[in-house]
Protein backbone atom coordinates (compact mmCIF):
# COMPACT_ATOMS: atom_id res chain seq x y z
CA UNK A 1 -41.47 -6.53 25.87
CA UNK A 2 -41.19 -9.62 23.76
CA UNK A 3 -38.78 -9.99 20.89
CA UNK A 4 -41.67 -10.72 18.52
CA UNK A 5 -43.45 -7.52 19.56
CA UNK A 6 -40.31 -5.41 19.14
CA UNK A 7 -39.71 -6.95 15.72
CA UNK A 8 -43.29 -6.28 14.64
CA UNK A 9 -43.29 -2.59 15.61
CA UNK A 10 -39.85 -1.65 14.30
CA UNK A 11 -40.84 -0.91 10.71
CA UNK A 12 -43.90 1.06 11.79
CA UNK A 13 -41.69 3.36 13.85
CA UNK A 14 -40.10 4.71 10.65
CA UNK A 15 -43.06 4.69 8.25
CA UNK A 16 -44.11 8.28 9.07
CA UNK A 17 -40.64 9.57 8.16
CA UNK A 18 -40.55 7.70 4.86
CA UNK A 19 -44.10 8.87 4.12
CA UNK A 20 -43.31 12.56 4.49
CA UNK A 21 -40.12 12.27 2.43
CA UNK A 22 -42.01 10.53 -0.37
CA UNK A 23 -45.48 12.10 -0.23
CA UNK A 24 -44.83 15.61 1.16
CA UNK A 25 -41.28 16.50 0.12
CA UNK A 26 -41.83 20.26 -0.02
CA UNK A 27 -43.80 20.57 3.21
CA UNK A 28 -41.96 22.80 5.69
CA UNK A 29 -42.41 20.20 8.46
CA UNK A 30 -40.82 17.53 6.28
CA UNK A 31 -37.67 19.60 5.92
CA UNK A 32 -37.57 20.23 9.69
CA UNK A 33 -38.17 16.60 10.60
CA UNK A 34 -35.72 15.18 8.09
CA UNK A 35 -33.06 17.71 9.05
CA UNK A 36 -32.52 15.78 12.27
CA UNK A 37 -30.62 12.49 12.34
CA UNK A 38 -32.71 11.71 15.44
CA UNK A 39 -35.44 10.37 13.13
CA UNK A 40 -33.60 7.02 13.27
CA UNK A 41 -33.51 6.93 17.08
CA UNK A 42 -36.62 4.79 17.66
CA UNK A 43 -35.51 1.69 15.73
CA UNK A 44 -32.03 2.10 17.19
CA UNK A 45 -33.54 2.10 20.69
CA UNK A 46 -35.32 -1.13 19.76
CA UNK A 47 -31.92 -2.47 18.65
CA UNK A 48 -30.40 -1.50 22.01
CA UNK A 49 -33.26 -3.11 23.97
CA UNK A 50 -32.75 -6.32 22.00
CA UNK A 51 -28.96 -6.35 22.02
CA UNK A 52 -28.01 -5.17 25.52
CA UNK A 53 -29.17 -8.46 27.11
CA UNK A 54 -27.27 -10.30 24.35
CA UNK A 55 -24.16 -8.13 24.37
CA UNK A 56 -21.82 -11.06 25.02
CA UNK A 57 -23.09 -12.96 21.97
CA UNK A 58 -23.11 -9.81 19.86
CA UNK A 59 -19.56 -8.98 20.90
CA UNK A 60 -18.39 -12.49 19.99
CA UNK A 61 -19.90 -12.10 16.53
CA UNK A 62 -18.62 -8.58 15.91
CA UNK A 63 -15.14 -8.84 17.42
CA UNK A 64 -14.17 -11.97 15.47
CA UNK A 65 -16.35 -12.12 12.38
CA UNK A 66 -16.97 -15.67 11.28
CA UNK A 67 -19.74 -16.75 8.94
CA UNK A 68 -20.94 -19.65 11.08
CA UNK A 69 -20.96 -17.60 14.29
CA UNK A 70 -22.86 -14.81 12.55
CA UNK A 71 -25.30 -17.27 11.03
CA UNK A 72 -25.89 -18.86 14.41
CA UNK A 73 -26.54 -15.51 16.09
CA UNK A 74 -28.81 -14.22 13.34
CA UNK A 75 -30.71 -17.51 13.52
CA UNK A 76 -31.94 -16.60 17.01
CA UNK A 77 -35.06 -14.48 17.46
CA UNK A 78 -33.02 -11.75 19.19
CA UNK A 79 -30.33 -11.77 16.51
CA UNK A 80 -32.82 -11.58 13.64
CA UNK A 81 -34.96 -8.90 15.32
CA UNK A 82 -31.83 -6.93 16.23
CA UNK A 83 -30.57 -7.05 12.66
CA UNK A 84 -33.98 -5.91 11.43
CA UNK A 85 -33.97 -2.91 13.79
CA UNK A 86 -30.40 -2.10 12.72
CA UNK A 87 -31.34 -2.26 9.03
CA UNK A 88 -34.53 -0.23 9.44
CA UNK A 89 -32.72 2.51 11.37
CA UNK A 90 -29.76 2.77 9.06
CA UNK A 91 -31.86 2.50 5.90
CA UNK A 92 -33.80 5.51 7.17
CA UNK A 93 -30.54 7.42 7.59
CA UNK A 94 -29.62 6.53 4.00
CA UNK A 95 -33.05 7.72 2.82
CA UNK A 96 -32.65 10.91 4.86
CA UNK A 97 -29.30 11.59 3.22
CA UNK A 98 -30.74 10.96 -0.25
CA UNK A 99 -33.70 13.29 0.43
CA UNK A 100 -31.49 16.15 1.66
CA UNK A 101 -28.82 15.60 -0.98
CA UNK A 102 -31.41 15.49 -3.78
CA UNK A 103 -32.91 18.78 -2.64
CA UNK A 104 -29.48 20.42 -2.56
CA UNK A 105 -28.53 19.06 -5.99
CA UNK A 106 -31.84 19.61 -7.73
CA UNK A 107 -32.62 15.93 -8.35
CA UNK A 108 -36.32 15.97 -9.32
CA UNK A 109 -38.63 14.46 -6.73
CA UNK A 110 -40.36 12.40 -9.44
CA UNK A 111 -37.00 10.63 -9.84
CA UNK A 112 -36.25 10.46 -6.11
CA UNK A 113 -39.61 9.16 -4.84
CA UNK A 114 -39.44 5.72 -6.53
CA UNK A 115 -35.80 5.43 -5.47
CA UNK A 116 -36.83 6.08 -1.86
CA UNK A 117 -39.43 3.30 -2.16
CA UNK A 118 -36.76 0.91 -3.45
CA UNK A 119 -34.51 2.02 -0.60
CA UNK A 120 -37.15 1.12 1.99
CA UNK A 121 -37.29 -2.41 0.62
CA UNK A 122 -33.82 -3.02 -0.82
CA UNK A 123 -31.54 -0.31 0.51
CA UNK A 124 -28.33 -1.17 -1.38
CA UNK A 125 -30.18 -1.12 -4.72
CA UNK A 126 -31.86 2.17 -3.79
CA UNK A 127 -28.52 3.70 -2.85
CA UNK A 128 -26.95 2.62 -6.14
CA UNK A 129 -29.95 3.94 -8.08
CA UNK A 130 -29.70 7.27 -6.27
CA UNK A 131 -25.99 7.58 -7.00
CA UNK A 132 -26.73 7.05 -10.70
CA UNK A 133 -29.62 9.58 -10.63
CA UNK A 134 -27.43 12.07 -8.78
CA UNK A 135 -24.69 11.72 -11.40
CA UNK A 136 -27.14 12.16 -14.26
CA UNK A 137 -28.67 15.23 -12.59
CA UNK A 138 -25.20 16.71 -12.08
CA UNK A 139 -24.43 16.35 -15.79
CA UNK A 140 -27.63 18.20 -16.66
CA UNK A 141 -26.78 21.00 -14.22
CA UNK A 142 -23.77 22.27 -16.11
CA UNK A 143 -24.20 25.73 -17.52
CA UNK A 144 -21.57 27.75 -19.36
CA UNK A 145 -20.18 30.62 -17.33
CA UNK A 146 -18.93 33.96 -18.56
CA UNK A 147 -15.38 32.60 -18.86
CA UNK A 148 -16.50 29.68 -20.98
CA UNK A 149 -15.90 27.13 -18.23
CA UNK A 150 -18.61 24.85 -16.98
CA UNK A 151 -20.12 26.07 -13.74
CA UNK A 152 -21.47 23.55 -11.23
CA UNK A 153 -23.91 24.18 -8.41
């Protein structure tokens, strides 16, 4: 398979998972699917297919990080496509964590859905937005207990 082909399919391998988290959050199949970290396996397999033949170059970049060496590697088709597969796979794991954490903490889906969309496109911004939303939701979840202390769920 060509590098260009692998690059072009990588995002589409994760779209169904993002779609169910955003569009069908309460569906029983969504909870089952998202419960597994294996949802990120397909883009990570693409990463492996791209990187195994380039393991020597990848090792040189990762074992002695240097901006110019990294820039040179990422400037190759294999390096850029590999980074893309890495990002797509790990961004999905971040989205998976946000989805499950939001359900456990009672973060409203109307708040989470746009954050998931931001996470697809700009993961670090989505993660920061979710951490803020999670903190705000936690403040609203405090209810006085019988002893007068604040109870948290």
